[in-house]
PDB file of N, CA and C in Angstrom:
ATOM      1  N   MET A   1     105.771  93.607  84.305  1.00  0.00           N
ATOM      2  CA  MET A   1     106.168  94.092  85.600  1.00  0.00           C
ATOM      3  C   MET A   1     105.675  93.156  86.705  1.00  0.00           C
ATOM      4  N   LEU A   2     104.429  92.701  86.609  1.00  0.00           N
ATOM      5  CA  LEU A   2     103.872  91.829  87.648  1.00  0.00           C
ATOM      6  C   LEU A   2     104.594  90.492  87.700  1.00  0.00           C
ATOM      7  N   GLN A   3     105.005  89.963  86.553  1.00  0.00           N
ATOM      8  CA  GLN A   3     105.747  88.697  86.546  1.00  0.00           C
ATOM      9  C   GLN A   3     107.122  88.882  87.157  1.00  0.00           C
ATOM     10  N   THR A   4     107.749  89.995  86.900  1.00  0.00           N
ATOM     11  CA  THR A   4     109.080  90.257  87.419  1.00  0.00           C
ATOM     12  C   THR A   4     109.068  90.462  88.924  1.00  0.00           C
ATOM     13  N   LEU A   5     108.041  91.132  89.448  1.00  0.00           N
ATOM     14  CA  LEU A   5     107.990  91.475  90.870  1.00  0.00           C
ATOM     15  C   LEU A   5     107.340  90.418  91.743  1.00  0.00           C
ATOM     16  N   GLY A   6     107.007  89.296  91.226  1.00  0.00           N
ATOM     17  CA  GLY A   6     106.455  88.277  92.111  1.00  0.00           C
ATOM     18  C   GLY A   6     105.618  87.242  91.407  1.00  0.00           C
ATOM     19  N   GLY A   7     105.044  87.567  90.291  1.00  0.00           N
ATOM     20  CA  GLY A   7     104.286  86.645  89.464  1.00  0.00           C
ATOM     21  C   GLY A   7     103.694  85.435  90.145  1.00  0.00           C
ATOM     22  N   THR A   8     102.944  85.615  91.200  1.00  0.00           N
ATOM     23  CA  THR A   8     102.318  84.496  91.894  1.00  0.00           C
ATOM     24  C   THR A   8     100.893  84.321  91.373  1.00  0.00           C
ATOM     25  N   GLN A   9     100.108  83.497  92.034  1.00  0.00           N
ATOM     26  CA  GLN A   9      98.731  83.259  91.599  1.00  0.00           C
ATOM     27  C   GLN A   9      97.792  83.254  92.796  1.00  0.00           C
ATOM     28  N   ILE A  10      96.547  83.592  92.513  1.00  0.00           N
ATOM     29  CA  ILE A  10      95.465  83.496  93.501  1.00  0.00           C
ATOM     30  C   ILE A  10      94.306  82.774  92.838  1.00  0.00           C
ATOM     31  N   THR A  11      93.381  82.304  93.646  1.00  0.00           N
ATOM     32  CA  THR A  11      92.187  81.643  93.139  1.00  0.00           C
ATOM     33  C   THR A  11      90.967  82.372  93.669  1.00  0.00           C
ATOM     34  N   LEU A  12      90.104  82.824  92.768  1.00  0.00           N
ATOM     35  CA  LEU A  12      88.832  83.421  93.179  1.00  0.00           C
ATOM     36  C   LEU A  12      87.812  82.305  93.356  1.00  0.00           C
ATOM     37  N   LEU A  13      86.976  82.423  94.385  1.00  0.00           N
ATOM     38  CA  LEU A  13      85.943  81.423  94.675  1.00  0.00           C
ATOM     39  C   LEU A  13      84.565  81.992  94.361  1.00  0.00           C
ATOM     40  N   PHE A  14      83.763  81.210  93.641  1.00  0.00           N
ATOM     41  CA  PHE A  14      82.404  81.608  93.276  1.00  0.00           C
ATOM     42  C   PHE A  14      81.436  80.497  93.659  1.00  0.00           C
ATOM     43  N   ALA A  15      80.210  80.859  93.988  1.00  0.00           N
ATOM     44  CA  ALA A  15      79.189  79.857  94.287  1.00  0.00           C
ATOM     45  C   ALA A  15      78.903  79.052  93.028  1.00  0.00           C
ATOM     46  N   ALA A  16      78.816  77.735  93.185  1.00  0.00           N
ATOM     47  CA  ALA A  16      78.496  76.873  92.054  1.00  0.00           C
ATOM     48  C   ALA A  16      77.065  77.142  91.608  1.00  0.00           C
ATOM     49  N   ALA A  17      76.846  77.084  90.303  1.00  0.00           N
ATOM     50  CA  ALA A  17      75.556  77.475  89.752  1.00  0.00           C
ATOM     51  C   ALA A  17      74.482  76.403  89.856  1.00  0.00           C
ATOM     52  N   GLY A  18      74.829  75.155  89.636  1.00  0.00           N
ATOM     53  CA  GLY A  18      73.803  74.128  89.535  1.00  0.00           C
ATOM     54  C   GLY A  18      73.642  73.269  90.766  1.00  0.00           C
ATOM     55  N   LEU A  19      72.424  72.883  91.043  1.00  0.00           N
ATOM     56  CA  LEU A  19      72.098  71.945  92.117  1.00  0.00           C
ATOM     57  C   LEU A  19      71.256  70.821  91.535  1.00  0.00           C
ATOM     58  N   PRO A  20      71.345  69.640  92.115  1.00  0.00           N
ATOM     59  CA  PRO A  20      70.468  68.560  91.660  1.00  0.00           C
ATOM     60  C   PRO A  20      69.001  68.924  91.907  1.00  0.00           C
ATOM     61  N   GLY A  21      68.122  68.327  91.151  1.00  0.00           N
ATOM     62  CA  GLY A  21      66.703  68.646  91.256  1.00  0.00           C
ATOM     63  C   GLY A  21      65.939  67.818  92.274  1.00  0.00           C
ATOM     64  N   ASP A  22      66.610  67.038  93.096  1.00  0.00           N
ATOM     65  CA  ASP A  22      65.887  66.190  94.043  1.00  0.00           C
ATOM     66  C   ASP A  22      65.440  66.975  95.286  1.00  0.00           C
ATOM     67  N   ALA A  23      64.623  66.330  96.112  1.00  0.00           N
ATOM     68  CA  ALA A  23      64.035  66.988  97.285  1.00  0.00           C
ATOM     69  C   ALA A  23      65.078  67.410  98.306  1.00  0.00           C
ATOM     70  N   ILE A  24      66.137  66.646  98.476  1.00  0.00           N
ATOM     71  CA  ILE A  24      67.166  66.989  99.453  1.00  0.00           C
ATOM     72  C   ILE A  24      67.836  68.308  99.076  1.00  0.00           C
ATOM     73  N   ALA A  25      68.090  68.504  97.790  1.00  0.00           N
ATOM     74  CA  ALA A  25      68.700  69.754  97.341  1.00  0.00           C
ATOM     75  C   ALA A  25      67.762  70.927  97.528  1.00  0.00           C
ATOM     76  N   GLN A  26      66.461  70.693  97.317  1.00  0.00           N
ATOM     77  CA  GLN A  26      65.485  71.760  97.473  1.00  0.00           C
ATOM     78  C   GLN A  26      65.325  72.181  98.933  1.00  0.00           C
ATOM     79  N   LEU A  27      65.628  71.289  99.860  1.00  0.00           N
ATOM     80  CA  LEU A  27      65.574  71.628 101.284  1.00  0.00           C
ATOM     81  C   LEU A  27      66.837  72.348 101.749  1.00  0.00           C
ATOM     82  N   GLY A  28      67.830  72.435 100.894  1.00  0.00           N
ATOM     83  CA  GLY A  28      69.068  73.106 101.261  1.00  0.00           C
ATOM     84  C   GLY A  28      70.040  72.216 101.995  1.00  0.00           C
ATOM     85  N   LEU A  29      69.865  70.913 101.877  1.00  0.00           N
ATOM     86  CA  LEU A  29      70.727  69.980 102.591  1.00  0.00           C
ATOM     87  C   LEU A  29      71.957  69.562 101.785  1.00  0.00           C
ATOM     88  N   VAL A  30      72.086  70.100 100.576  1.00  0.00           N
ATOM     89  CA  VAL A  30      73.216  69.762  99.715  1.00  0.00           C
ATOM     90  C   VAL A  30      74.075  71.017  99.549  1.00  0.00           C
ATOM     91  N   ASP A  31      75.360  70.853  99.788  1.00  0.00           N
ATOM     92  CA  ASP A  31      76.296  71.951  99.576  1.00  0.00           C
ATOM     93  C   ASP A  31      76.609  72.032  98.086  1.00  0.00           C
ATOM     94  N   PRO A  32      76.281  73.154  97.428  1.00  0.00           N
ATOM     95  CA  PRO A  32      76.530  73.253  95.997  1.00  0.00           C
ATOM     96  C   PRO A  32      78.010  73.347  95.650  1.00  0.00           C
ATOM     97  N   GLY A  33      78.850  73.661  96.627  1.00  0.00           N
ATOM     98  CA  GLY A  33      80.281  73.776  96.371  1.00  0.00           C
ATOM     99  C   GLY A  33      80.641  75.125  95.792  1.00  0.00           C
ATOM    100  N   VAL A  34      81.869  75.230  95.340  1.00  0.00           N
ATOM    101  CA  VAL A  34      82.346  76.473  94.754  1.00  0.00           C
ATOM    102  C   VAL A  34      83.045  76.182  93.432  1.00  0.00           C
ATOM    103  N   GLU A  35      83.061  77.196  92.598  1.00  0.00           N
ATOM    104  CA  GLU A  35      83.841  77.154  91.369  1.00  0.00           C
ATOM    105  C   GLU A  35      85.089  77.985  91.608  1.00  0.00           C
ATOM    106  N   GLN A  36      86.215  77.514  91.106  1.00  0.00           N
ATOM    107  CA  GLN A  36      87.482  78.200  91.307  1.00  0.00           C
ATOM    108  C   GLN A  36      87.994  78.758  89.993  1.00  0.00           C
ATOM    109  N   VAL A  37      88.455  80.008  90.039  1.00  0.00           N
ATOM    110  CA  VAL A  37      89.019  80.662  88.865  1.00  0.00           C
ATOM    111  C   VAL A  37      90.426  81.124  89.224  1.00  0.00           C
ATOM    112  N   LEU A  38      91.405  80.625  88.507  1.00  0.00           N
ATOM    113  CA  LEU A  38      92.806  80.958  88.756  1.00  0.00           C
ATOM    114  C   LEU A  38      93.157  82.277  88.078  1.00  0.00           C
ATOM    115  N   ILE A  39      93.786  83.173  88.832  1.00  0.00           N
ATOM    116  CA  ILE A  39      94.259  84.445  88.294  1.00  0.00           C
ATOM    117  C   ILE A  39      95.782  84.467  88.431  1.00  0.00           C
ATOM    118  N   THR A  40      96.463  84.639  87.313  1.00  0.00           N
ATOM    119  CA  THR A  40      97.917  84.708  87.330  1.00  0.00           C
ATOM    120  C   THR A  40      98.385  85.526  86.141  1.00  0.00           C
ATOM    121  N   PRO A  41      99.400  86.315  86.189  1.00  0.00           N
ATOM    122  CA  PRO A  41     100.213  86.616  87.354  1.00  0.00           C
ATOM    123  C   PRO A  41      99.611  87.754  88.169  1.00  0.00           C
ATOM    124  N   VAL A  42      99.802  87.683  89.455  1.00  0.00           N
ATOM    125  CA  VAL A  42      99.431  88.766  90.362  1.00  0.00           C
ATOM    126  C   VAL A  42     100.603  89.021  91.304  1.00  0.00           C
ATOM    127  N   MET A  43     100.625  90.208  91.852  1.00  0.00           N
ATOM    128  CA  MET A  43     101.618  90.545  92.860  1.00  0.00           C
ATOM    129  C   MET A  43     100.869  90.713  94.182  1.00  0.00           C
ATOM    130  N   VAL A  44     101.326  90.034  95.218  1.00  0.00           N
ATOM    131  CA  VAL A  44     100.670  90.091  96.521  1.00  0.00           C
ATOM    132  C   VAL A  44     101.644  90.677  97.527  1.00  0.00           C
ATOM    133  N   ARG A  45     101.151  91.608  98.332  1.00  0.00           N
ATOM    134  CA  ARG A  45     101.985  92.141  99.409  1.00  0.00           C
ATOM    135  C   ARG A  45     101.201  92.136 100.706  1.00  0.00           C
ATOM    136  N   GLU A  46     101.918  91.871 101.776  1.00  0.00           N
ATOM    137  CA  GLU A  46     101.330  91.829 103.108  1.00  0.00           C
ATOM    138  C   GLU A  46     101.144  93.259 103.607  1.00  0.00           C
ATOM    139  N   LEU A  47     100.008  93.518 104.232  1.00  0.00           N
ATOM    140  CA  LEU A  47      99.743  94.821 104.838  1.00  0.00           C
ATOM    141  C   LEU A  47      99.770  94.672 106.356  1.00  0.00           C
ATOM    142  N   THR A  48     100.109  95.728 107.028  1.00  0.00           N
ATOM    143  CA  THR A  48     100.139  95.678 108.490  1.00  0.00           C
ATOM    144  C   THR A  48      98.719  95.653 109.029  1.00  0.00           C
ATOM    145  N   THR A  49      98.550  94.976 110.158  1.00  0.00           N
ATOM    146  CA  THR A  49      97.242  94.900 110.805  1.00  0.00           C
ATOM    147  C   THR A  49      97.373  95.348 112.250  1.00  0.00           C
ATOM    148  N   GLU A  50      96.270  95.835 112.791  1.00  0.00           N
ATOM    149  CA  GLU A  50      96.242  96.212 114.201  1.00  0.00           C
ATOM    150  C   GLU A  50      96.027  94.962 115.034  1.00  0.00           C
ATOM    151  N   ASN A  51      96.340  95.044 116.314  1.00  0.00           N
ATOM    152  CA  ASN A  51      96.167  93.900 117.208  1.00  0.00           C
ATOM    153  C   ASN A  51      94.719  93.455 117.307  1.00  0.00           C
ATOM    154  N   SER A  52      93.780  94.400 117.234  1.00  0.00           N
ATOM    155  CA  SER A  52      92.364  94.048 117.364  1.00  0.00           C
ATOM    156  C   SER A  52      91.698  93.764 116.020  1.00  0.00           C
ATOM    157  N   GLY A  53      92.450  93.868 114.934  1.00  0.00           N
ATOM    158  CA  GLY A  53      91.883  93.683 113.600  1.00  0.00           C
ATOM    159  C   GLY A  53      92.004  92.261 113.106  1.00  0.00           C
ATOM    160  N   PRO A  54      91.914  92.081 111.787  1.00  0.00           N
ATOM    161  CA  PRO A  54      92.022  90.739 111.197  1.00  0.00           C
ATOM    162  C   PRO A  54      93.417  90.161 111.416  1.00  0.00           C
ATOM    163  N   ARG A  55      93.500  88.823 111.335  1.00  0.00           N
ATOM    164  CA  ARG A  55      94.783  88.149 111.524  1.00  0.00           C
ATOM    165  C   ARG A  55      95.776  88.506 110.428  1.00  0.00           C
ATOM    166  N   ARG A  56      95.309  88.551 109.212  1.00  0.00           N
ATOM    167  CA  ARG A  56      96.201  88.763 108.070  1.00  0.00           C
ATOM    168  C   ARG A  56      95.493  89.613 107.037  1.00  0.00           C
ATOM    169  N   ARG A  57      96.221  90.545 106.457  1.00  0.00           N
ATOM    170  CA  ARG A  57      95.650  91.430 105.449  1.00  0.00           C
ATOM    171  C   ARG A  57      96.621  91.509 104.275  1.00  0.00           C
ATOM    172  N   ILE A  58      96.090  91.375 103.081  1.00  0.00           N
ATOM    173  CA  ILE A  58      96.936  91.424 101.880  1.00  0.00           C
ATOM    174  C   ILE A  58      96.338  92.392 100.863  1.00  0.00           C
ATOM    175  N   GLU A  59      97.205  92.831  99.965  1.00  0.00           N
ATOM    176  CA  GLU A  59      96.773  93.612  98.810  1.00  0.00           C
ATOM    177  C   GLU A  59      97.339  92.917  97.587  1.00  0.00           C
ATOM    178  N   LEU A  60      96.496  92.702  96.598  1.00  0.00           N
ATOM    179  CA  LEU A  60      96.987  92.080  95.377  1.00  0.00           C
ATOM    180  C   LEU A  60      96.795  93.025  94.205  1.00  0.00           C
ATOM    181  N   LEU A  61      97.735  92.939  93.294  1.00  0.00           N
ATOM    182  CA  LEU A  61      97.691  93.726  92.074  1.00  0.00           C
ATOM    183  C   LEU A  61      97.611  92.769  90.901  1.00  0.00           C
ATOM    184  N   ALA A  62      96.619  92.979  90.056  1.00  0.00           N
ATOM    185  CA  ALA A  62      96.433  92.136  88.874  1.00  0.00           C
ATOM    186  C   ALA A  62      96.278  93.037  87.661  1.00  0.00           C
ATOM    187  N   GLY A  63      96.970  92.706  86.605  1.00  0.00           N
ATOM    188  CA  GLY A  63      96.892  93.484  85.376  1.00  0.00           C
ATOM    189  C   GLY A  63      95.662  93.126  84.549  1.00  0.00           C
ATOM    190  N   GLN A  64      95.395  93.951  83.577  1.00  0.00           N
ATOM    191  CA  GLN A  64      94.231  93.746  82.720  1.00  0.00           C
ATOM    192  C   GLN A  64      94.336  92.444  81.956  1.00  0.00           C
ATOM    193  N   ALA A  65      95.535  92.087  81.519  1.00  0.00           N
ATOM    194  CA  ALA A  65      95.709  90.848  80.753  1.00  0.00           C
ATOM    195  C   ALA A  65      95.388  89.622  81.606  1.00  0.00           C
ATOM    196  N   ALA A  66      95.774  89.657  82.867  1.00  0.00           N
ATOM    197  CA  ALA A  66      95.481  88.529  83.765  1.00  0.00           C
ATOM    198  C   ALA A  66      93.986  88.373  83.999  1.00  0.00           C
ATOM    199  N   MET A  67      93.266  89.475  84.034  1.00  0.00           N
ATOM    200  CA  MET A  67      91.830  89.425  84.315  1.00  0.00           C
ATOM    201  C   MET A  67      91.002  89.139  83.066  1.00  0.00           C
ATOM    202  N   ALA A  68      91.504  89.450  81.886  1.00  0.00           N
ATOM    203  CA  ALA A  68      90.727  89.299  80.651  1.00  0.00           C
ATOM    204  C   ALA A  68      90.289  87.862  80.419  1.00  0.00           C
ATOM    205  N   GLU A  69      91.168  86.907  80.650  1.00  0.00           N
ATOM    206  CA  GLU A  69      90.819  85.497  80.441  1.00  0.00           C
ATOM    207  C   GLU A  69      89.721  85.052  81.406  1.00  0.00           C
ATOM    208  N   SER A  70      89.821  85.475  82.652  1.00  0.00           N
ATOM    209  CA  SER A  70      88.813  85.097  83.647  1.00  0.00           C
ATOM    210  C   SER A  70      87.459  85.728  83.355  1.00  0.00           C
ATOM    211  N   VAL A  71      87.471  86.957  82.869  1.00  0.00           N
ATOM    212  CA  VAL A  71      86.222  87.640  82.507  1.00  0.00           C
ATOM    213  C   VAL A  71      85.513  86.877  81.397  1.00  0.00           C
ATOM    214  N   SER A  72      86.255  86.458  80.378  1.00  0.00           N
ATOM    215  CA  SER A  72      85.620  85.713  79.284  1.00  0.00           C
ATOM    216  C   SER A  72      85.223  84.309  79.730  1.00  0.00           C
ATOM    217  N   GLN A  73      86.017  83.681  80.589  1.00  0.00           N
ATOM    218  CA  GLN A  73      85.703  82.339  81.088  1.00  0.00           C
ATOM    219  C   GLN A  73      84.405  82.331  81.895  1.00  0.00           C
ATOM    220  N   ARG A  74      84.205  83.347  82.735  1.00  0.00           N
ATOM    221  CA  ARG A  74      83.002  83.439  83.564  1.00  0.00           C
ATOM    222  C   ARG A  74      81.841  84.102  82.823  1.00  0.00           C
ATOM    223  N   ASN A  75      82.097  84.656  81.632  1.00  0.00           N
ATOM    224  CA  ASN A  75      81.078  85.294  80.812  1.00  0.00           C
ATOM    225  C   ASN A  75      80.398  86.444  81.557  1.00  0.00           C
ATOM    226  N   VAL A  76      81.218  87.349  82.097  1.00  0.00           N
ATOM    227  CA  VAL A  76      80.712  88.533  82.789  1.00  0.00           C
ATOM    228  C   VAL A  76      81.168  89.777  82.037  1.00  0.00           C
ATOM    229  N   ALA A  77      80.590  90.919  82.403  1.00  0.00           N
ATOM    230  CA  ALA A  77      80.854  92.156  81.681  1.00  0.00           C
ATOM    231  C   ALA A  77      82.247  92.727  81.939  1.00  0.00           C
ATOM    232  N   SER A  78      82.759  92.573  83.168  1.00  0.00           N
ATOM    233  CA  SER A  78      84.052  93.191  83.497  1.00  0.00           C
ATOM    234  C   SER A  78      84.686  92.507  84.704  1.00  0.00           C
ATOM    235  N   ALA A  79      85.935  92.852  84.955  1.00  0.00           N
ATOM    236  CA  ALA A  79      86.638  92.314  86.119  1.00  0.00           C
ATOM    237  C   ALA A  79      86.008  92.820  87.416  1.00  0.00           C
ATOM    238  N   GLU A  80      85.427  94.000  87.370  1.00  0.00           N
ATOM    239  CA  GLU A  80      84.749  94.530  88.557  1.00  0.00           C
ATOM    240  C   GLU A  80      83.632  93.587  89.005  1.00  0.00           C
ATOM    241  N   VAL A  81      82.905  93.044  88.047  1.00  0.00           N
ATOM    242  CA  VAL A  81      81.821  92.099  88.366  1.00  0.00           C
ATOM    243  C   VAL A  81      82.400  90.833  88.996  1.00  0.00           C
ATOM    244  N   LEU A  82      83.558  90.399  88.527  1.00  0.00           N
ATOM    245  CA  LEU A  82      84.203  89.229  89.128  1.00  0.00           C
ATOM    246  C   LEU A  82      84.475  89.453  90.610  1.00  0.00           C
ATOM    247  N   PHE A  83      85.080  90.595  90.940  1.00  0.00           N
ATOM    248  CA  PHE A  83      85.413  90.869  92.332  1.00  0.00           C
ATOM    249  C   PHE A  83      84.162  91.085  93.192  1.00  0.00           C
ATOM    250  N   GLU A  84      83.121  91.673  92.608  1.00  0.00           N
ATOM    251  CA  GLU A  84      81.881  91.916  93.360  1.00  0.00           C
ATOM    252  C   GLU A  84      81.129  90.621  93.665  1.00  0.00           C
ATOM    253  N   THR A  85      81.220  89.638  92.780  1.00  0.00           N
ATOM    254  CA  THR A  85      80.456  88.403  92.950  1.00  0.00           C
ATOM    255  C   THR A  85      81.256  87.267  93.583  1.00  0.00           C
ATOM    256  N   ALA A  86      82.553  87.459  93.757  1.00  0.00           N
ATOM    257  CA  ALA A  86      83.384  86.398  94.345  1.00  0.00           C
ATOM    258  C   ALA A  86      83.064  86.221  95.824  1.00  0.00           C
ATOM    259  N   LEU A  87      83.039  84.981  96.269  1.00  0.00           N
ATOM    260  CA  LEU A  87      82.846  84.683  97.693  1.00  0.00           C
ATOM    261  C   LEU A  87      84.100  85.007  98.489  1.00  0.00           C
ATOM    262  N   GLY A  88      85.234  84.933  97.839  1.00  0.00           N
ATOM    263  CA  GLY A  88      86.516  85.193  98.478  1.00  0.00           C
ATOM    264  C   GLY A  88      87.631  84.788  97.550  1.00  0.00           C
ATOM    265  N   LEU A  89      88.850  84.732  98.093  1.00  0.00           N
ATOM    266  CA  LEU A  89      89.991  84.306  97.307  1.00  0.00           C
ATOM    267  C   LEU A  89      90.904  83.441  98.158  1.00  0.00           C
ATOM    268  N   VAL A  90      91.690  82.620  97.492  1.00  0.00           N
ATOM    269  CA  VAL A  90      92.633  81.735  98.167  1.00  0.00           C
ATOM    270  C   VAL A  90      94.042  82.145  97.754  1.00  0.00           C
ATOM    271  N   TYR A  91      94.891  82.359  98.784  1.00  0.00           N
ATOM    272  CA  TYR A  91      96.293  82.686  98.552  1.00  0.00           C
ATOM    273  C   TYR A  91      97.123  81.877  99.538  1.00  0.00           C
ATOM    274  N   CYS A  92      98.067  81.114  99.042  1.00  0.00           N
ATOM    275  CA  CYS A  92      98.933  80.254  99.875  1.00  0.00           C
ATOM    276  C   CYS A  92      98.108  79.328 100.775  1.00  0.00           C
ATOM    277  N   GLY A  93      97.018  78.799 100.249  1.00  0.00           N
ATOM    278  CA  GLY A  93      96.201  77.854 100.994  1.00  0.00           C
ATOM    279  C   GLY A  93      95.295  78.465 102.034  1.00  0.00           C
ATOM    280  N   GLU A  94      95.245  79.780 102.132  1.00  0.00           N
ATOM    281  CA  GLU A  94      94.411  80.465 103.118  1.00  0.00           C
ATOM    282  C   GLU A  94      93.293  81.227 102.405  1.00  0.00           C
ATOM    283  N   VAL A  95      92.075  81.161 102.953  1.00  0.00           N
ATOM    284  CA  VAL A  95      90.924  81.830 102.354  1.00  0.00           C
ATOM    285  C   VAL A  95      90.832  83.255 102.900  1.00  0.00           C
ATOM    286  N   PHE A  96      90.654  84.205 101.987  1.00  0.00           N
ATOM    287  CA  PHE A  96      90.541  85.622 102.336  1.00  0.00           C
ATOM    288  C   PHE A  96      89.190  86.160 101.870  1.00  0.00           C
ATOM    289  N   HIS A  97      88.660  87.107 102.624  1.00  0.00           N
ATOM    290  CA  HIS A  97      87.441  87.831 102.259  1.00  0.00           C
ATOM    291  C   HIS A  97      87.864  89.099 101.524  1.00  0.00           C
ATOM    292  N   ILE A  98      87.244  89.381 100.390  1.00  0.00           N
ATOM    293  CA  ILE A  98      87.576  90.591  99.630  1.00  0.00           C
ATOM    294  C   ILE A  98      86.939  91.783 100.321  1.00  0.00           C
ATOM    295  N   GLU A  99      87.797  92.669 100.794  1.00  0.00           N
ATOM    296  CA  GLU A  99      87.360  93.851 101.529  1.00  0.00           C
ATOM    297  C   GLU A  99      86.944  94.972 100.583  1.00  0.00           C
ATOM    298  N   GLY A 100      87.636  95.092  99.476  1.00  0.00           N
ATOM    299  CA  GLY A 100      87.336  96.123  98.496  1.00  0.00           C
ATOM    300  C   GLY A 100      88.338  96.086  97.360  1.00  0.00           C
ATOM    301  N   PHE A 101      88.055  96.843  96.314  1.00  0.00           N
ATOM    302  CA  PHE A 101      88.969  96.890  95.175  1.00  0.00           C
ATOM    303  C   PHE A 101      88.902  98.253  94.516  1.00  0.00           C
ATOM    304  N   VAL A 102      89.984  98.603  93.849  1.00  0.00           N
ATOM    305  CA  VAL A 102      90.081  99.863  93.117  1.00  0.00           C
ATOM    306  C   VAL A 102      90.591  99.530  91.725  1.00  0.00           C
ATOM    307  N   VAL A 103      89.995 100.150  90.736  1.00  0.00           N
ATOM    308  CA  VAL A 103      90.411  99.949  89.352  1.00  0.00           C
ATOM    309  C   VAL A 103      91.201 101.176  88.917  1.00  0.00           C
ATOM    310  N   GLU A 104      92.441 100.960  88.495  1.00  0.00           N
ATOM    311  CA  GLU A 104      93.277 102.044  87.981  1.00  0.00           C
ATOM    312  C   GLU A 104      93.017 102.158  86.485  1.00  0.00           C
ATOM    313  N   ARG A 105      92.757 103.396  86.030  1.00  0.00           N
ATOM    314  CA  ARG A 105      92.460 103.622  84.613  1.00  0.00           C
ATOM    315  C   ARG A 105      93.379 104.696  84.050  1.00  0.00           C
ATOM    316  N   MET A 106      93.686 104.542  82.766  1.00  0.00           N
ATOM    317  CA  MET A 106      94.433 105.562  82.050  1.00  0.00           C
ATOM    318  C   MET A 106      93.789 105.715  80.685  1.00  0.00           C
ATOM    319  N   GLY A 107      93.386 106.918  80.366  1.00  0.00           N
ATOM    320  CA  GLY A 107      92.720 107.152  79.088  1.00  0.00           C
ATOM    321  C   GLY A 107      91.404 106.408  78.985  1.00  0.00           C
ATOM    322  N   GLY A 108      90.747 106.161  80.128  1.00  0.00           N
ATOM    323  CA  GLY A 108      89.463 105.472  80.144  1.00  0.00           C
ATOM    324  C   GLY A 108      89.566 103.956  80.029  1.00  0.00           C
ATOM    325  N   VAL A 109      90.792 103.426  80.032  1.00  0.00           N
ATOM    326  CA  VAL A 109      90.994 101.986  79.890  1.00  0.00           C
ATOM    327  C   VAL A 109      91.544 101.431  81.200  1.00  0.00           C
ATOM    328  N   SER A 110      90.911 100.380  81.703  1.00  0.00           N
ATOM    329  CA  SER A 110      91.390  99.731  82.925  1.00  0.00           C
ATOM    330  C   SER A 110      92.699  99.019  82.632  1.00  0.00           C
ATOM    331  N   TYR A 111      93.687  99.214  83.506  1.00  0.00           N
ATOM    332  CA  TYR A 111      94.965  98.541  83.297  1.00  0.00           C
ATOM    333  C   TYR A 111      95.480  97.825  84.537  1.00  0.00           C
ATOM    334  N   LEU A 112      94.932  98.147  85.735  1.00  0.00           N
ATOM    335  CA  LEU A 112      95.411  97.525  86.957  1.00  0.00           C
ATOM    336  C   LEU A 112      94.270  97.426  87.966  1.00  0.00           C
ATOM    337  N   TYR A 113      94.191  96.285  88.635  1.00  0.00           N
ATOM    338  CA  TYR A 113      93.171  96.056  89.659  1.00  0.00           C
ATOM    339  C   TYR A 113      93.892  95.861  90.990  1.00  0.00           C
ATOM    340  N   ARG A 114      93.524  96.678  91.974  1.00  0.00           N
ATOM    341  CA  ARG A 114      94.125  96.644  93.309  1.00  0.00           C
ATOM    342  C   ARG A 114      93.054  96.139  94.274  1.00  0.00           C
ATOM    343  N   VAL A 115      93.272  94.960  94.872  1.00  0.00           N
ATOM    344  CA  VAL A 115      92.263  94.314  95.701  1.00  0.00           C
ATOM    345  C   VAL A 115      92.811  94.156  97.125  1.00  0.00           C
ATOM    346  N   ALA A 116      92.018  94.580  98.114  1.00  0.00           N
ATOM    347  CA  ALA A 116      92.366  94.387  99.520  1.00  0.00           C
ATOM    348  C   ALA A 116      91.551  93.226 100.056  1.00  0.00           C
ATOM    349  N   ALA A 117      92.217  92.327 100.804  1.00  0.00           N
ATOM    350  CA  ALA A 117      91.547  91.138 101.337  1.00  0.00           C
ATOM    351  C   ALA A 117      92.043  90.865 102.749  1.00  0.00           C
ATOM    352  N   VAL A 118      91.161  90.271 103.576  1.00  0.00           N
ATOM    353  CA  VAL A 118      91.499  89.940 104.957  1.00  0.00           C
ATOM    354  C   VAL A 118      91.146  88.483 105.235  1.00  0.00           C
ATOM    355  N   SER A 119      91.862  87.897 106.198  1.00  0.00           N
ATOM    356  CA  SER A 119      91.543  86.530 106.595  1.00  0.00           C
ATOM    357  C   SER A 119      91.039  86.509 108.022  1.00  0.00           C
TER     358      SER A 119
END
């Protein structure tokens, strides 16, 4: 269903784990960068925003199959941990802050992740 209705991709951003051991890195003068994790397929839809609110607001839907590979790649317990630890996400070249997420379950099994993000 997600591939049929839009099958696009997003990139989750995570803080890079390793820093060099030299004195400059210990002073915090080195940017550790970010690690990028591609999630596909996802369906993204634009949400309406108020004039005083964020510039752009989106909601993305990702299925369990799309998240399973990323969960094993990052070696975390669940997709929820991925969304909780992500610095943000990139969609169409724009960086978004993850506002919140909801996990849809049926029979105790997660099958859909609904994520709200703002830029």
